[in-house]
Amino acid sequence: MISFEPKNLSVGKLHSYLLSAVAPRPIAFASTIDAEGNPNLSPFSFFNVFSANPPIMIFSPARRVRDNTTKHTLENVEQVKEVVINVVNHDLVQQASLSSTEYPEGVNEFEKAGLTMLKSDIVKPFRVAESPVQFECKVNDIIKLGTKGGAGSLIICEVVKIHIANEVLNEDETINQEKLDLVARAGGSYYSRARKGFFKIPKPLSTLGIGVDSFPEHIKNSMILSGNDLGMLGNVEALPTQEEVQLFINDLQERYPKIKDASHREKHKRVRNFLSFGDVDSAWKLLLS
């Protein structure tokens, strides 16, 4: 067994040990709004529920280790002391991952991740329509735990309204955990799915993914591609060139002679197959053919 004191580790190394060992952790998909009304959306796995009466949840946006800057979520709740905490299930985990990309201030992560803004009943921030459970909250307190990179700030939220999708409820209006199908974070690229255990999602690019908002309409509005599919497609820095697309299609036509003239629907079905194996590059080349 190896042993060490935290002060003898780099912050990055310590952060990695903490996240890998204390896992899986529930995800607070936090929607906030700044003083000018600009929405922000970001997932946080330093999160849990801490009281039922009053109903209290706490999540913690940490200061960035690399440059000791604060995240837009923290800055927003300091300006507008309200937040919506949306739960993340398996159906939207790829989009939640994409929304964690460090987009510039003012960029709408709802649009980048292809998620729907739903007006809240009591608070100003929007809900994530695709999330099966949404908690409208007021921020009671913000406790800063430090001033150096990696330090968290506890955002103490009181739930003022709860929204639960009918499809995850039992007949007695209790939540069906299997239908809810929650996911949680672990270390590195690992997540845990309540129904199936661990799986991996590549971390969002350190550079900016193109985002779902830049997609052609036939992709954004596809009846075949899921939200997770769109999240994977949006987490690329650049699209394949036309030359790369043509070379790919020429090769694919040897196996599927009619693929070039296939309908969007037919192509989208094959794109889903590529994505099921994590082959985002081939998926985009087919979409752009």
C-alpha atoms as a PDB file:
ATOM      1  CA  MET A   1       0.000   0.000   0.000  1.00  0.00           C
ATOM      2  CA  ILE A   2       1.323   3.458  -0.870  1.00  0.00           C
ATOM      3  CA  SER A   3       0.706   6.343   1.501  1.00  0.00           C
ATOM      4  CA  PHE A   4       1.193  10.086   1.268  1.00  0.00           C
ATOM      5  CA  GLU A   5       0.037  13.397   2.645  1.00  0.00           C
ATOM      6  CA  PRO A   6      -2.016  15.637   0.319  1.00  0.00           C
ATOM      7  CA  LYS A   7       0.479  18.491   0.659  1.00  0.00           C
ATOM      8  CA  ASN A   8       3.135  16.329  -1.024  1.00  0.00           C
ATOM      9  CA  LEU A   9       1.054  15.787  -4.184  1.00  0.00           C
ATOM     10  CA  SER A  10       0.374  18.129  -7.064  1.00  0.00           C
ATOM     11  CA  VAL A  11      -3.201  19.404  -7.112  1.00  0.00           C
ATOM     12  CA  GLY A  12      -3.825  17.524 -10.357  1.00  0.00           C
ATOM     13  CA  LYS A  13      -2.617  14.222  -8.901  1.00  0.00           C
ATOM     14  CA  LEU A  14      -4.609  14.711  -5.699  1.00  0.00           C
ATOM     15  CA  HIS A  15      -7.702  15.647  -7.710  1.00  0.00           C
ATOM     16  CA  SER A  16      -7.360  12.430  -9.743  1.00  0.00           C
ATOM     17  CA  TYR A  17      -7.055  10.244  -6.634  1.00  0.00           C
ATOM     18  CA  LEU A  18     -10.070  11.872  -4.981  1.00  0.00           C
ATOM     19  CA  LEU A  19     -12.333  11.528  -8.015  1.00  0.00           C
ATOM     20  CA  SER A  20     -11.286   7.946  -8.745  1.00  0.00           C
ATOM     21  CA  ALA A  21     -11.650   6.756  -5.146  1.00  0.00           C
ATOM     22  CA  VAL A  22     -14.822   8.615  -4.153  1.00  0.00           C
ATOM     23  CA  ALA A  23     -17.108   7.252  -6.845  1.00  0.00           C
ATOM     24  CA  PRO A  24     -19.613   6.983  -8.354  1.00  0.00           C
ATOM     25  CA  ARG A  25     -20.924  10.484  -7.636  1.00  0.00           C
ATOM     26  CA  PRO A  26     -24.346  11.869  -8.648  1.00  0.00           C
ATOM     27  CA  ILE A  27     -24.377  14.672 -11.190  1.00  0.00           C
ATOM     28  CA  ALA A  28     -25.921  18.105 -10.699  1.00  0.00           C
ATOM     29  CA  PHE A  29     -26.751  19.400 -14.165  1.00  0.00           C
ATOM     30  CA  ALA A  30     -26.902  23.033 -13.063  1.00  0.00           C
ATOM     31  CA  SER A  31     -28.735  25.699 -15.038  1.00  0.00           C
ATOM     32  CA  THR A  32     -28.031  29.302 -14.049  1.00  0.00           C
ATOM     33  CA  ILE A  33     -28.486  32.773 -15.458  1.00  0.00           C
ATOM     34  CA  ASP A  34     -26.372  35.930 -15.195  1.00  0.00           C
ATOM     35  CA  ALA A  35     -27.527  39.463 -14.366  1.00  0.00           C
ATOM     36  CA  GLU A  36     -28.099  40.206 -18.076  1.00  0.00           C
ATOM     37  CA  GLY A  37     -30.264  37.127 -18.535  1.00  0.00           C
ATOM     38  CA  ASN A  38     -27.727  34.936 -20.368  1.00  0.00           C
ATOM     39  CA  PRO A  39     -28.284  31.218 -19.593  1.00  0.00           C
ATOM     40  CA  ASN A  40     -25.523  28.788 -18.625  1.00  0.00           C
ATOM     41  CA  LEU A  41     -25.595  25.015 -18.225  1.00  0.00           C
ATOM     42  CA  SER A  42     -22.897  22.767 -16.766  1.00  0.00           C
ATOM     43  CA  PRO A  43     -22.616  19.392 -14.947  1.00  0.00           C
ATOM     44  CA  PHE A  44     -20.978  19.019 -11.521  1.00  0.00           C
ATOM     45  CA  SER A  45     -20.212  15.773  -9.724  1.00  0.00           C
ATOM     46  CA  PHE A  46     -19.298  17.376  -6.398  1.00  0.00           C
ATOM     47  CA  PHE A  47     -22.986  17.133  -5.479  1.00  0.00           C
ATOM     48  CA  ASN A  48     -25.538  15.511  -3.202  1.00  0.00           C
ATOM     49  CA  VAL A  49     -28.736  16.028  -1.180  1.00  0.00           C
ATOM     50  CA  PHE A  50     -28.200  16.910   2.485  1.00  0.00           C
ATOM     51  CA  SER A  51     -31.590  17.599   4.053  1.00  0.00           C
ATOM     52  CA  ALA A  52     -35.289  16.864   3.512  1.00  0.00           C
ATOM     53  CA  ASN A  53     -36.788  19.458   5.851  1.00  0.00           C
ATOM     54  CA  PRO A  54     -35.866  21.955   4.537  1.00  0.00           C
ATOM     55  CA  PRO A  55     -34.991  20.240   1.213  1.00  0.00           C
ATOM     56  CA  ILE A  56     -31.335  21.135   0.690  1.00  0.00           C
ATOM     57  CA  MET A  57     -28.915  20.192  -2.080  1.00  0.00           C
ATOM     58  CA  ILE A  58     -25.271  21.251  -2.293  1.00  0.00           C
ATOM     59  CA  PHE A  59     -22.971  21.273  -5.293  1.00  0.00           C
ATOM     60  CA  SER A  60     -19.506  22.705  -5.693  1.00  0.00           C
ATOM     61  CA  PRO A  61     -17.908  24.328  -8.753  1.00  0.00           C
ATOM     62  CA  ALA A  62     -14.163  24.140  -8.150  1.00  0.00           C
ATOM     63  CA  ARG A  63     -11.695  26.819  -9.186  1.00  0.00           C
ATOM     64  CA  ARG A  64      -9.790  25.716 -12.290  1.00  0.00           C
ATOM     65  CA  VAL A  65      -6.495  24.081 -11.380  1.00  0.00           C
ATOM     66  CA  ARG A  66      -4.629  25.329 -14.467  1.00  0.00           C
ATOM     67  CA  ASP A  67      -5.173  29.078 -13.983  1.00  0.00           C
ATOM     68  CA  ASN A  68      -7.152  29.500 -10.737  1.00  0.00           C
ATOM     69  CA  THR A  69     -10.145  31.099 -12.492  1.00  0.00           C
ATOM     70  CA  THR A  70     -13.759  30.579 -11.443  1.00  0.00           C
ATOM     71  CA  LYS A  71     -16.502  28.964 -13.496  1.00  0.00           C
ATOM     72  CA  HIS A  72     -19.446  30.810 -15.026  1.00  0.00           C
ATOM     73  CA  THR A  73     -21.879  28.850 -12.829  1.00  0.00           C
ATOM     74  CA  LEU A  74     -20.334  30.245  -9.643  1.00  0.00           C
ATOM     75  CA  GLU A  75     -20.227  33.767 -11.068  1.00  0.00           C
ATOM     76  CA  ASN A  76     -23.879  33.483 -12.115  1.00  0.00           C
ATOM     77  CA  VAL A  77     -25.241  32.330  -8.738  1.00  0.00           C
ATOM     78  CA  GLU A  78     -23.360  35.168  -7.082  1.00  0.00           C
ATOM     79  CA  GLN A  79     -25.320  37.558  -9.347  1.00  0.00           C
ATOM     80  CA  VAL A  80     -28.682  35.736  -9.441  1.00  0.00           C
ATOM     81  CA  LYS A  81     -29.143  33.485  -6.408  1.00  0.00           C
ATOM     82  CA  GLU A  82     -31.208  30.848  -8.181  1.00  0.00           C
ATOM     83  CA  VAL A  83     -30.414  27.571  -9.951  1.00  0.00           C
ATOM     84  CA  VAL A  84     -32.160  24.586 -11.491  1.00  0.00           C
ATOM     85  CA  ILE A  85     -30.576  21.217 -10.746  1.00  0.00           C
ATOM     86  CA  ASN A  86     -31.516  18.717 -13.441  1.00  0.00           C
ATOM     87  CA  VAL A  87     -30.722  15.015 -13.012  1.00  0.00           C
ATOM     88  CA  VAL A  88     -28.718  13.245 -15.723  1.00  0.00           C
ATOM     89  CA  ASN A  89     -29.941   9.885 -16.987  1.00  0.00           C
ATOM     90  CA  HIS A  90     -28.418   7.694 -19.653  1.00  0.00           C
ATOM     91  CA  ASP A  91     -30.521   9.222 -22.436  1.00  0.00           C
ATOM     92  CA  LEU A  92     -28.776  12.594 -22.165  1.00  0.00           C
ATOM     93  CA  VAL A  93     -25.355  11.766 -20.710  1.00  0.00           C
ATOM     94  CA  GLN A  94     -23.457  12.525 -23.936  1.00  0.00           C
ATOM     95  CA  GLN A  95     -25.122  15.937 -24.173  1.00  0.00           C
ATOM     96  CA  ALA A  96     -24.341  16.639 -20.520  1.00  0.00           C
ATOM     97  CA  SER A  97     -20.712  15.737 -21.176  1.00  0.00           C
ATOM     98  CA  LEU A  98     -20.604  18.057 -24.201  1.00  0.00           C
ATOM     99  CA  SER A  99     -22.044  20.924 -22.147  1.00  0.00           C
ATOM    100  CA  SER A 100     -19.067  20.714 -19.770  1.00  0.00           C
ATOM    101  CA  THR A 101     -16.828  22.081 -22.531  1.00  0.00           C
ATOM    102  CA  GLU A 102     -15.250  25.404 -21.552  1.00  0.00           C
ATOM    103  CA  TYR A 103     -17.164  27.608 -23.987  1.00  0.00           C
ATOM    104  CA  PRO A 104     -16.611  31.394 -23.708  1.00  0.00           C
ATOM    105  CA  GLU A 105     -18.850  33.540 -21.526  1.00  0.00           C
ATOM    106  CA  GLY A 106     -22.177  34.256 -23.215  1.00  0.00           C
ATOM    107  CA  VAL A 107     -22.270  31.012 -25.228  1.00  0.00           C
ATOM    108  CA  ASN A 108     -25.510  29.112 -24.626  1.00  0.00           C
ATOM    109  CA  GLU A 109     -24.637  25.521 -23.635  1.00  0.00           C
ATOM    110  CA  PHE A 110     -28.277  24.479 -24.117  1.00  0.00           C
ATOM    111  CA  GLU A 111     -27.871  25.205 -27.822  1.00  0.00           C
ATOM    112  CA  LYS A 112     -24.367  23.734 -28.074  1.00  0.00           C
ATOM    113  CA  ALA A 113     -25.559  20.465 -26.513  1.00  0.00           C
ATOM    114  CA  GLY A 114     -28.832  20.363 -28.447  1.00  0.00           C
ATOM    115  CA  LEU A 115     -30.969  20.569 -25.303  1.00  0.00           C
ATOM    116  CA  THR A 116     -34.291  22.360 -24.832  1.00  0.00           C
ATOM    117  CA  MET A 117     -34.696  25.367 -22.521  1.00  0.00           C
ATOM    118  CA  LEU A 118     -37.908  25.035 -20.508  1.00  0.00           C
ATOM    119  CA  LYS A 119     -39.196  28.012 -18.546  1.00  0.00           C
ATOM    120  CA  SER A 120     -39.224  27.481 -14.789  1.00  0.00           C
ATOM    121  CA  ASP A 121     -42.277  28.234 -12.663  1.00  0.00           C
ATOM    122  CA  ILE A 122     -40.593  30.037  -9.764  1.00  0.00           C
ATOM    123  CA  VAL A 123     -36.925  30.754 -10.527  1.00  0.00           C
ATOM    124  CA  LYS A 124     -35.343  32.576 -13.467  1.00  0.00           C
ATOM    125  CA  PRO A 125     -32.929  29.892 -14.806  1.00  0.00           C
ATOM    126  CA  PHE A 126     -34.347  27.508 -17.392  1.00  0.00           C
ATOM    127  CA  ARG A 127     -34.945  23.803 -16.865  1.00  0.00           C
ATOM    128  CA  VAL A 128     -33.544  21.095 -19.146  1.00  0.00           C
ATOM    129  CA  ALA A 129     -36.693  19.737 -20.786  1.00  0.00           C
ATOM    130  CA  GLU A 130     -35.028  16.385 -21.534  1.00  0.00           C
ATOM    131  CA  SER A 131     -34.110  15.750 -17.884  1.00  0.00           C
ATOM    132  CA  PRO A 132     -36.608  13.419 -16.154  1.00  0.00           C
ATOM    133  CA  VAL A 133     -36.373  15.239 -12.801  1.00  0.00           C
ATOM    134  CA  GLN A 134     -35.778  18.971 -12.363  1.00  0.00           C
ATOM    135  CA  PHE A 135     -35.360  20.882  -9.099  1.00  0.00           C
ATOM    136  CA  GLU A 136     -35.997  24.627  -9.055  1.00  0.00           C
ATOM    137  CA  CYS A 137     -33.863  26.045  -6.246  1.00  0.00           C
ATOM    138  CA  LYS A 138     -33.008  29.282  -4.501  1.00  0.00           C
ATOM    139  CA  VAL A 139     -29.416  29.697  -3.332  1.00  0.00           C
ATOM    140  CA  ASN A 140     -29.305  30.108   0.442  1.00  0.00           C
ATOM    141  CA  ASP A 141     -25.557  30.483   0.833  1.00  0.00           C
ATOM    142  CA  ILE A 142     -22.217  30.207  -0.959  1.00  0.00           C
ATOM    143  CA  ILE A 143     -19.289  29.008   1.142  1.00  0.00           C
ATOM    144  CA  LYS A 144     -15.853  29.402  -0.437  1.00  0.00           C
ATOM    145  CA  LEU A 145     -13.435  26.700   0.695  1.00  0.00           C
ATOM    146  CA  GLY A 146     -10.240  28.307  -0.555  1.00  0.00           C
ATOM    147  CA  THR A 147      -8.668  30.755  -2.964  1.00  0.00           C
ATOM    148  CA  LYS A 148      -6.202  28.504  -4.834  1.00  0.00           C
ATOM    149  CA  GLY A 149      -6.707  26.416  -7.955  1.00  0.00           C
ATOM    150  CA  GLY A 150      -8.816  23.341  -7.185  1.00  0.00           C
ATOM    151  CA  ALA A 151     -10.653  24.948  -4.255  1.00  0.00           C
ATOM    152  CA  GLY A 152     -14.401  24.427  -4.253  1.00  0.00           C
ATOM    153  CA  SER A 153     -17.288  26.716  -3.356  1.00  0.00           C
ATOM    154  CA  LEU A 154     -20.282  25.096  -1.679  1.00  0.00           C
ATOM    155  CA  ILE A 155     -23.499  26.329  -3.276  1.00  0.00           C
ATOM    156  CA  ILE A 156     -26.246  25.554  -0.768  1.00  0.00           C
ATOM    157  CA  CYS A 157     -29.584  25.309  -2.570  1.00  0.00           C
ATOM    158  CA  GLU A 158     -33.102  25.020  -1.183  1.00  0.00           C
ATOM    159  CA  VAL A 159     -35.577  23.227  -3.439  1.00  0.00           C
ATOM    160  CA  VAL A 160     -38.693  25.320  -4.084  1.00  0.00           C
ATOM    161  CA  LYS A 161     -40.328  23.181  -6.789  1.00  0.00           C
ATOM    162  CA  ILE A 162     -39.846  19.670  -8.182  1.00  0.00           C
ATOM    163  CA  HIS A 163     -40.801  18.429 -11.650  1.00  0.00           C
ATOM    164  CA  ILE A 164     -40.880  14.671 -12.364  1.00  0.00           C
ATOM    165  CA  ALA A 165     -41.634  13.109 -15.756  1.00  0.00           C
ATOM    166  CA  ASN A 166     -44.610  10.736 -15.722  1.00  0.00           C
ATOM    167  CA  GLU A 167     -42.675   8.036 -17.555  1.00  0.00           C
ATOM    168  CA  VAL A 168     -40.317   7.467 -14.587  1.00  0.00           C
ATOM    169  CA  LEU A 169     -43.115   7.183 -11.999  1.00  0.00           C
ATOM    170  CA  ASN A 170     -44.767   4.084 -10.601  1.00  0.00           C
ATOM    171  CA  GLU A 171     -48.539   3.939 -10.193  1.00  0.00           C
ATOM    172  CA  ASP A 172     -48.203   5.132  -6.586  1.00  0.00           C
ATOM    173  CA  GLU A 173     -46.181   8.175  -7.817  1.00  0.00           C
ATOM    174  CA  THR A 174     -42.892   6.910  -6.420  1.00  0.00           C
ATOM    175  CA  ILE A 175     -39.866   7.079  -8.715  1.00  0.00           C
ATOM    176  CA  ASN A 176     -39.022   3.892 -10.567  1.00  0.00           C
ATOM    177  CA  GLN A 177     -35.232   3.704 -10.321  1.00  0.00           C
ATOM    178  CA  GLU A 178     -34.862   1.399 -13.312  1.00  0.00           C
ATOM    179  CA  LYS A 179     -36.922   3.658 -15.547  1.00  0.00           C
ATOM    180  CA  LEU A 180     -35.047   6.710 -14.278  1.00  0.00           C
ATOM    181  CA  ASP A 181     -31.756   5.079 -15.370  1.00  0.00           C
ATOM    182  CA  LEU A 182     -29.448   7.604 -13.696  1.00  0.00           C
ATOM    183  CA  VAL A 183     -25.744   7.921 -14.432  1.00  0.00           C
ATOM    184  CA  ALA A 184     -22.958   9.025 -12.107  1.00  0.00           C
ATOM    185  CA  ARG A 185     -19.334  10.170 -12.466  1.00  0.00           C
ATOM    186  CA  ALA A 186     -16.203   8.324 -11.498  1.00  0.00           C
ATOM    187  CA  GLY A 187     -12.530   9.026 -12.215  1.00  0.00           C
ATOM    188  CA  GLY A 188     -11.075   9.893 -15.626  1.00  0.00           C
ATOM    189  CA  SER A 189     -13.483   9.098 -18.456  1.00  0.00           C
ATOM    190  CA  TYR A 190     -15.543   6.652 -16.382  1.00  0.00           C
ATOM    191  CA  TYR A 191     -19.225   6.941 -15.615  1.00  0.00           C
ATOM    192  CA  SER A 192     -21.523   4.503 -13.841  1.00  0.00           C
ATOM    193  CA  ARG A 193     -24.999   3.610 -15.064  1.00  0.00           C
ATOM    194  CA  ALA A 194     -27.408   2.603 -12.320  1.00  0.00           C
ATOM    195  CA  ARG A 195     -28.733  -0.330 -14.354  1.00  0.00           C
ATOM    196  CA  LYS A 196     -25.504  -1.633 -15.862  1.00  0.00           C
ATOM    197  CA  GLY A 197     -22.410  -0.445 -14.012  1.00  0.00           C
ATOM    198  CA  PHE A 198     -19.353   1.336 -15.409  1.00  0.00           C
ATOM    199  CA  PHE A 199     -18.900   2.650 -18.949  1.00  0.00           C
ATOM    200  CA  LYS A 200     -16.629   5.252 -20.555  1.00  0.00           C
ATOM    201  CA  ILE A 201     -17.220   8.549 -22.349  1.00  0.00           C
ATOM    202  CA  PRO A 202     -14.258  10.412 -23.878  1.00  0.00           C
ATOM    203  CA  LYS A 203     -13.706  13.682 -22.050  1.00  0.00           C
ATOM    204  CA  PRO A 204     -14.847  16.814 -23.924  1.00  0.00           C
ATOM    205  CA  LEU A 205     -12.166  18.407 -26.034  1.00  0.00           C
ATOM    206  CA  SER A 206      -9.810  20.847 -24.374  1.00  0.00           C
ATOM    207  CA  THR A 207     -10.449  22.872 -27.513  1.00  0.00           C
ATOM    208  CA  LEU A 208     -14.068  23.699 -28.346  1.00  0.00           C
ATOM    209  CA  GLY A 209     -16.388  21.136 -29.884  1.00  0.00           C
ATOM    210  CA  ILE A 210     -18.473  22.446 -32.792  1.00  0.00           C
ATOM    211  CA  GLY A 211     -21.698  21.921 -30.840  1.00  0.00           C
ATOM    212  CA  VAL A 212     -25.115  20.703 -31.942  1.00  0.00           C
ATOM    213  CA  ASP A 213     -26.253  24.237 -32.816  1.00  0.00           C
ATOM    214  CA  SER A 214     -23.958  24.205 -35.866  1.00  0.00           C
ATOM    215  CA  PHE A 215     -25.495  21.036 -37.372  1.00  0.00           C
ATOM    216  CA  PRO A 216     -27.606  21.020 -40.556  1.00  0.00           C
ATOM    217  CA  GLU A 217     -31.330  20.858 -39.777  1.00  0.00           C
ATOM    218  CA  HIS A 218     -31.734  17.275 -41.022  1.00  0.00           C
ATOM    219  CA  ILE A 219     -29.243  16.158 -38.362  1.00  0.00           C
ATOM    220  CA  LYS A 220     -30.544  18.294 -35.488  1.00  0.00           C
ATOM    221  CA  ASN A 221     -34.121  17.210 -36.189  1.00  0.00           C
ATOM    222  CA  SER A 222     -33.359  13.580 -36.998  1.00  0.00           C
ATOM    223  CA  MET A 223     -35.995  11.043 -35.999  1.00  0.00           C
ATOM    224  CA  ILE A 224     -33.266   8.372 -35.845  1.00  0.00           C
ATOM    225  CA  LEU A 225     -30.352   9.990 -33.986  1.00  0.00           C
ATOM    226  CA  SER A 226     -30.696  10.241 -30.211  1.00  0.00           C
ATOM    227  CA  GLY A 227     -29.565  13.052 -27.938  1.00  0.00           C
ATOM    228  CA  ASN A 228     -26.541  10.967 -27.007  1.00  0.00           C
ATOM    229  CA  ASP A 229     -25.732  10.553 -30.700  1.00  0.00           C
ATOM    230  CA  LEU A 230     -25.916  14.325 -31.206  1.00  0.00           C
ATOM    231  CA  GLY A 231     -23.709  14.874 -28.169  1.00  0.00           C
ATOM    232  CA  MET A 232     -21.016  12.610 -29.618  1.00  0.00           C
ATOM    233  CA  LEU A 233     -21.218  14.314 -33.010  1.00  0.00           C
ATOM    234  CA  GLY A 234     -20.974  17.763 -31.412  1.00  0.00           C
ATOM    235  CA  ASN A 235     -17.795  16.951 -29.515  1.00  0.00           C
ATOM    236  CA  VAL A 236     -15.457  17.273 -32.514  1.00  0.00           C
ATOM    237  CA  GLU A 237     -13.178  20.205 -33.173  1.00  0.00           C
ATOM    238  CA  ALA A 238     -13.575  20.196 -36.963  1.00  0.00           C
ATOM    239  CA  LEU A 239     -15.483  18.312 -39.656  1.00  0.00           C
ATOM    240  CA  PRO A 240     -13.838  16.000 -42.210  1.00  0.00           C
ATOM    241  CA  THR A 241     -12.797  17.624 -45.474  1.00  0.00           C
ATOM    242  CA  GLN A 242     -14.701  16.930 -48.691  1.00  0.00           C
ATOM    243  CA  GLU A 243     -11.709  14.958 -49.934  1.00  0.00           C
ATOM    244  CA  GLU A 244     -11.799  12.750 -46.836  1.00  0.00           C
ATOM    245  CA  VAL A 245     -15.561  12.318 -47.229  1.00  0.00           C
ATOM    246  CA  GLN A 246     -15.214  11.284 -50.876  1.00  0.00           C
ATOM    247  CA  LEU A 247     -12.478   8.755 -50.144  1.00  0.00           C
ATOM    248  CA  PHE A 248     -14.595   7.262 -47.365  1.00  0.00           C
ATOM    249  CA  ILE A 249     -17.710   7.018 -49.550  1.00  0.00           C
ATOM    250  CA  ASN A 250     -15.759   5.483 -52.423  1.00  0.00           C
ATOM    251  CA  ASP A 251     -14.572   2.751 -50.066  1.00  0.00           C
ATOM    252  CA  LEU A 252     -18.025   2.303 -48.491  1.00  0.00           C
ATOM    253  CA  GLN A 253     -19.686   1.957 -51.887  1.00  0.00           C
ATOM    254  CA  GLU A 254     -17.797  -1.275 -52.467  1.00  0.00           C
ATOM    255  CA  ARG A 255     -19.898  -2.831 -49.703  1.00  0.00           C
ATOM    256  CA  TYR A 256     -23.024  -0.686 -50.068  1.00  0.00           C
ATOM    257  CA  PRO A 257     -23.321   0.377 -53.723  1.00  0.00           C
ATOM    258  CA  LYS A 258     -26.404   2.544 -53.153  1.00  0.00           C
ATOM    259  CA  ILE A 259     -25.165   4.363 -50.042  1.00  0.00           C
ATOM    260  CA  LYS A 260     -24.408   7.662 -51.815  1.00  0.00           C
ATOM    261  CA  ASP A 261     -28.027   7.990 -52.971  1.00  0.00           C
ATOM    262  CA  ALA A 262     -29.574   6.795 -49.719  1.00  0.00           C
ATOM    263  CA  SER A 263     -32.109   9.000 -47.910  1.00  0.00           C
ATOM    264  CA  HIS A 264     -31.211  10.940 -44.766  1.00  0.00           C
ATOM    265  CA  ARG A 265     -33.168   8.398 -42.738  1.00  0.00           C
ATOM    266  CA  GLU A 266     -31.249   5.458 -44.182  1.00  0.00           C
ATOM    267  CA  LYS A 267     -27.918   7.197 -43.654  1.00  0.00           C
ATOM    268  CA  HIS A 268     -28.835   8.152 -40.094  1.00  0.00           C
ATOM    269  CA  LYS A 269     -29.507   4.491 -39.271  1.00  0.00           C
ATOM    270  CA  ARG A 270     -26.028   3.542 -40.453  1.00  0.00           C
ATOM    271  CA  VAL A 271     -24.573   6.566 -38.631  1.00  0.00           C
ATOM    272  CA  ARG A 272     -26.067   5.224 -35.372  1.00  0.00           C
ATOM    273  CA  ASN A 273     -24.253   1.974 -35.996  1.00  0.00           C
ATOM    274  CA  PHE A 274     -20.918   3.791 -36.389  1.00  0.00           C
ATOM    275  CA  LEU A 275     -21.570   5.766 -33.203  1.00  0.00           C
ATOM    276  CA  SER A 276     -22.421   2.604 -31.249  1.00  0.00           C
ATOM    277  CA  PHE A 277     -18.763   1.619 -31.797  1.00  0.00           C
ATOM    278  CA  GLY A 278     -17.480   5.116 -30.992  1.00  0.00           C
ATOM    279  CA  ASP A 279     -16.564   5.787 -34.633  1.00  0.00           C
ATOM    280  CA  VAL A 280     -17.519   9.472 -34.782  1.00  0.00           C
ATOM    281  CA  ASP A 281     -15.228  10.176 -37.741  1.00  0.00           C
ATOM    282  CA  SER A 282     -16.986   7.671 -40.022  1.00  0.00           C
ATOM    283  CA  ALA A 283     -20.357   8.885 -38.797  1.00  0.00           C
ATOM    284  CA  TRP A 284     -19.570  12.450 -39.866  1.00  0.00           C
ATOM    285  CA  LYS A 285     -18.167  11.370 -43.216  1.00  0.00           C
ATOM    286  CA  LEU A 286     -21.386   9.546 -44.003  1.00  0.00           C
ATOM    287  CA  LEU A 287     -23.539  12.468 -42.816  1.00  0.00           C
ATOM    288  CA  LEU A 288     -21.597  14.855 -45.051  1.00  0.00           C
ATOM    289  CA  SER A 289     -21.729  12.635 -48.145  1.00  0.00           C
END
